[in-house]
Amino acid sequence: MMLYIVGFYNQPAPKENDLKGLINHLLENPSTGIQFVAEHQGKLLGFATLYFTFSTLKVKRQAILNDLFVIPNARGKKIGEKLFQACLEYIRENEFASMTWETAKDNKVAQSLYNKMGGKLSEWLFYEIS
């Protein structure tokens, strides 16, 4: 996850205890989210994180695909597709209203994956404030 935060998104490194706390929170509070991982021979190759909220309009739970990351030397092996599919299967099996996500306008690789997996651009605009 550190490679994802610092290496891919060029964000400041979080404190190790804070990062472990997030992972432990998901493990201890499965109603807030879930993380899927891709491993090979004990080596972590990628992960996908779903956080859960609600859709008032659909009167059901909704999932936010907050993270989907595959380490650089494991890309091109369909790992991202498998992680995405695991998330999609999870929300369908658990009768969520939908799964939403966002990506950078210039992240053409992610956009290609999402289009391939059946994702559709939303008509909604995304706002943010800090």
C-alpha atoms as a PDB file:
ATOM      1  CA  MET A   1       0.000   0.000   0.000  1.00  0.00           C
ATOM      2  CA  MET A   2       2.942   2.300   0.639  1.00  0.00           C
ATOM      3  CA  LEU A   3       4.066   1.868  -2.988  1.00  0.00           C
ATOM      4  CA  TYR A   4       0.549   2.815  -4.079  1.00  0.00           C
ATOM      5  CA  ILE A   5       0.339   5.912  -1.872  1.00  0.00           C
ATOM      6  CA  VAL A   6       3.888   7.211  -2.253  1.00  0.00           C
ATOM      7  CA  GLY A   7       5.180   5.651  -5.464  1.00  0.00           C
ATOM      8  CA  PHE A   8       2.080   5.818  -7.646  1.00  0.00           C
ATOM      9  CA  TYR A   9       0.210   8.859  -6.302  1.00  0.00           C
ATOM     10  CA  ASN A  10       3.267  10.785  -5.026  1.00  0.00           C
ATOM     11  CA  GLN A  11       1.587  11.489  -1.695  1.00  0.00           C
ATOM     12  CA  PRO A  12       3.457  11.881   1.589  1.00  0.00           C
ATOM     13  CA  ALA A  13       4.130   8.587   3.327  1.00  0.00           C
ATOM     14  CA  PRO A  14       1.600   7.899   6.065  1.00  0.00           C
ATOM     15  CA  LYS A  15       2.812   6.793   9.453  1.00  0.00           C
ATOM     16  CA  GLU A  16       3.217   3.021   9.466  1.00  0.00           C
ATOM     17  CA  ASN A  17       0.934   2.707  12.499  1.00  0.00           C
ATOM     18  CA  ASP A  18      -1.767   4.723  10.722  1.00  0.00           C
ATOM     19  CA  LEU A  19      -1.598   2.454   7.683  1.00  0.00           C
ATOM     20  CA  LYS A  20      -1.720  -0.661   9.849  1.00  0.00           C
ATOM     21  CA  GLY A  21      -4.618   0.913  11.736  1.00  0.00           C
ATOM     22  CA  LEU A  22      -6.590   1.297   8.495  1.00  0.00           C
ATOM     23  CA  ILE A  23      -6.008  -2.334   7.558  1.00  0.00           C
ATOM     24  CA  ASN A  24      -6.934  -3.501  11.054  1.00  0.00           C
ATOM     25  CA  HIS A  25     -10.051  -1.317  10.988  1.00  0.00           C
ATOM     26  CA  LEU A  26     -11.269  -3.111   7.867  1.00  0.00           C
ATOM     27  CA  LEU A  27     -10.503  -6.501   9.399  1.00  0.00           C
ATOM     28  CA  GLU A  28     -12.251  -5.656  12.663  1.00  0.00           C
ATOM     29  CA  ASN A  29     -15.187  -3.751  11.098  1.00  0.00           C
ATOM     30  CA  PRO A  30     -16.243  -5.589   7.949  1.00  0.00           C
ATOM     31  CA  SER A  31     -19.407  -3.502   7.689  1.00  0.00           C
ATOM     32  CA  THR A  32     -17.236  -0.500   6.723  1.00  0.00           C
ATOM     33  CA  GLY A  33     -15.336  -2.124   3.870  1.00  0.00           C
ATOM     34  CA  ILE A  34     -13.269  -4.981   2.551  1.00  0.00           C
ATOM     35  CA  GLN A  35      -9.904  -5.388   0.871  1.00  0.00           C
ATOM     36  CA  PHE A  36      -9.108  -7.990  -1.751  1.00  0.00           C
ATOM     37  CA  VAL A  37      -5.487  -8.932  -2.401  1.00  0.00           C
ATOM     38  CA  ALA A  38      -3.682 -10.709  -5.202  1.00  0.00           C
ATOM     39  CA  GLU A  39      -0.733 -12.827  -4.125  1.00  0.00           C
ATOM     40  CA  HIS A  40       1.662 -15.223  -5.765  1.00  0.00           C
ATOM     41  CA  GLN A  41       3.978 -17.428  -3.707  1.00  0.00           C
ATOM     42  CA  GLY A  42       3.486 -15.209  -0.666  1.00  0.00           C
ATOM     43  CA  LYS A  43       4.265 -11.977  -2.528  1.00  0.00           C
ATOM     44  CA  LEU A  44       1.614  -9.266  -2.660  1.00  0.00           C
ATOM     45  CA  LEU A  45       0.971  -8.285  -6.286  1.00  0.00           C
ATOM     46  CA  GLY A  46      -1.993  -5.958  -5.895  1.00  0.00           C
ATOM     47  CA  PHE A  47      -5.069  -5.002  -3.943  1.00  0.00           C
ATOM     48  CA  ALA A  48      -8.519  -3.505  -4.281  1.00  0.00           C
ATOM     49  CA  THR A  49     -10.380  -1.719  -1.495  1.00  0.00           C
ATOM     50  CA  LEU A  50     -14.132  -1.308  -1.240  1.00  0.00           C
ATOM     51  CA  TYR A  51     -15.654   1.087   1.279  1.00  0.00           C
ATOM     52  CA  PHE A  52     -19.366   0.905   2.011  1.00  0.00           C
ATOM     53  CA  THR A  53     -21.968   3.635   2.192  1.00  0.00           C
ATOM     54  CA  PHE A  54     -25.657   3.946   1.287  1.00  0.00           C
ATOM     55  CA  SER A  55     -27.617   5.141  -1.712  1.00  0.00           C
ATOM     56  CA  THR A  56     -30.704   7.010  -0.595  1.00  0.00           C
ATOM     57  CA  LEU A  57     -32.043   7.060  -4.156  1.00  0.00           C
ATOM     58  CA  LYS A  58     -31.794   3.285  -4.479  1.00  0.00           C
ATOM     59  CA  VAL A  59     -32.453   2.569  -0.788  1.00  0.00           C
ATOM     60  CA  LYS A  60     -29.576   0.078  -0.653  1.00  0.00           C
ATOM     61  CA  ARG A  61     -25.977  -0.163   0.341  1.00  0.00           C
ATOM     62  CA  GLN A  62     -23.444   1.140  -2.158  1.00  0.00           C
ATOM     63  CA  ALA A  63     -19.769   0.308  -2.560  1.00  0.00           C
ATOM     64  CA  ILE A  64     -16.981   2.701  -3.431  1.00  0.00           C
ATOM     65  CA  LEU A  65     -14.011   1.127  -5.177  1.00  0.00           C
ATOM     66  CA  ASN A  66     -11.486   3.380  -3.521  1.00  0.00           C
ATOM     67  CA  ASP A  67      -8.298   1.623  -4.598  1.00  0.00           C
ATOM     68  CA  LEU A  68      -7.217  -0.750  -7.341  1.00  0.00           C
ATOM     69  CA  PHE A  69      -3.471  -1.214  -7.647  1.00  0.00           C
ATOM     70  CA  VAL A  70      -1.109  -3.751  -9.163  1.00  0.00           C
ATOM     71  CA  ILE A  71       2.641  -3.512  -8.625  1.00  0.00           C
ATOM     72  CA  PRO A  72       4.482  -2.430 -11.791  1.00  0.00           C
ATOM     73  CA  ASN A  73       6.272  -5.717 -12.531  1.00  0.00           C
ATOM     74  CA  ALA A  74       3.002  -7.682 -12.270  1.00  0.00           C
ATOM     75  CA  ARG A  75       1.001  -5.531 -14.688  1.00  0.00           C
ATOM     76  CA  GLY A  76      -0.231  -6.949 -17.965  1.00  0.00           C
ATOM     77  CA  LYS A  77      -1.146 -10.283 -16.355  1.00  0.00           C
ATOM     78  CA  LYS A  78      -4.878  -9.611 -15.863  1.00  0.00           C
ATOM     79  CA  ILE A  79      -4.446  -9.116 -12.089  1.00  0.00           C
ATOM     80  CA  GLY A  80      -6.310  -5.797 -12.162  1.00  0.00           C
ATOM     81  CA  GLU A  81      -9.165  -7.456 -14.024  1.00  0.00           C
ATOM     82  CA  LYS A  82      -9.338 -10.258 -11.468  1.00  0.00           C
ATOM     83  CA  LEU A  83      -9.349  -7.818  -8.561  1.00  0.00           C
ATOM     84  CA  PHE A  84     -12.066  -5.742 -10.218  1.00  0.00           C
ATOM     85  CA  GLN A  85     -14.095  -8.885 -10.897  1.00  0.00           C
ATOM     86  CA  ALA A  86     -13.758  -9.949  -7.237  1.00  0.00           C
ATOM     87  CA  CYS A  87     -15.185  -6.576  -6.182  1.00  0.00           C
ATOM     88  CA  LEU A  88     -18.011  -6.825  -8.697  1.00  0.00           C
ATOM     89  CA  GLU A  89     -18.909 -10.355  -7.599  1.00  0.00           C
ATOM     90  CA  TYR A  90     -18.900  -9.245  -3.964  1.00  0.00           C
ATOM     91  CA  ILE A  91     -21.328  -6.368  -4.503  1.00  0.00           C
ATOM     92  CA  ARG A  92     -23.626  -8.510  -6.631  1.00  0.00           C
ATOM     93  CA  GLU A  93     -23.644 -11.425  -4.181  1.00  0.00           C
ATOM     94  CA  ASN A  94     -24.382  -9.017  -1.337  1.00  0.00           C
ATOM     95  CA  GLU A  95     -27.069  -7.119  -3.267  1.00  0.00           C
ATOM     96  CA  PHE A  96     -25.448  -3.686  -3.241  1.00  0.00           C
ATOM     97  CA  ALA A  97     -27.103  -0.989  -5.355  1.00  0.00           C
ATOM     98  CA  SER A  98     -23.896  -0.307  -7.273  1.00  0.00           C
ATOM     99  CA  MET A  99     -20.165   0.185  -7.163  1.00  0.00           C
ATOM    100  CA  THR A 100     -18.710   3.580  -7.982  1.00  0.00           C
ATOM    101  CA  TRP A 101     -15.135   4.746  -8.449  1.00  0.00           C
ATOM    102  CA  GLU A 102     -13.065   7.553  -9.832  1.00  0.00           C
ATOM    103  CA  THR A 103      -9.777   7.833 -11.632  1.00  0.00           C
ATOM    104  CA  ALA A 104      -7.553  10.612 -12.860  1.00  0.00           C
ATOM    105  CA  LYS A 105      -8.418  12.150 -16.224  1.00  0.00           C
ATOM    106  CA  ASP A 106      -4.964  11.223 -17.523  1.00  0.00           C
ATOM    107  CA  ASN A 107      -4.966   7.621 -16.227  1.00  0.00           C
ATOM    108  CA  LYS A 108      -5.724   6.058 -19.597  1.00  0.00           C
ATOM    109  CA  VAL A 109      -4.643   2.568 -18.476  1.00  0.00           C
ATOM    110  CA  ALA A 110      -7.233   2.539 -15.668  1.00  0.00           C
ATOM    111  CA  GLN A 111      -9.897   3.999 -17.943  1.00  0.00           C
ATOM    112  CA  SER A 112      -9.235   1.257 -20.487  1.00  0.00           C
ATOM    113  CA  LEU A 113      -9.632  -1.400 -17.784  1.00  0.00           C
ATOM    114  CA  TYR A 114     -12.842   0.126 -16.454  1.00  0.00           C
ATOM    115  CA  ASN A 115     -14.335   0.387 -19.934  1.00  0.00           C
ATOM    116  CA  LYS A 116     -13.341  -3.211 -20.661  1.00  0.00           C
ATOM    117  CA  MET A 117     -15.007  -4.356 -17.436  1.00  0.00           C
ATOM    118  CA  GLY A 118     -18.290  -2.662 -18.374  1.00  0.00           C
ATOM    119  CA  GLY A 119     -17.952   0.554 -16.398  1.00  0.00           C
ATOM    120  CA  LYS A 120     -19.885   3.575 -17.580  1.00  0.00           C
ATOM    121  CA  LEU A 121     -19.037   7.229 -17.027  1.00  0.00           C
ATOM    122  CA  SER A 122     -21.426   8.767 -14.544  1.00  0.00           C
ATOM    123  CA  GLU A 123     -23.551  11.771 -15.368  1.00  0.00           C
ATOM    124  CA  TRP A 124     -22.809  13.067 -11.865  1.00  0.00           C
ATOM    125  CA  LEU A 125     -20.036  15.558 -11.116  1.00  0.00           C
ATOM    126  CA  PHE A 126     -17.552  14.896  -8.355  1.00  0.00           C
ATOM    127  CA  TYR A 127     -16.750  17.648  -5.834  1.00  0.00           C
ATOM    128  CA  GLU A 128     -14.149  17.776  -3.086  1.00  0.00           C
ATOM    129  CA  ILE A 129     -13.228  20.088  -0.224  1.00  0.00           C
ATOM    130  CA  SER A 130     -10.556  19.867   2.445  1.00  0.00           C
END
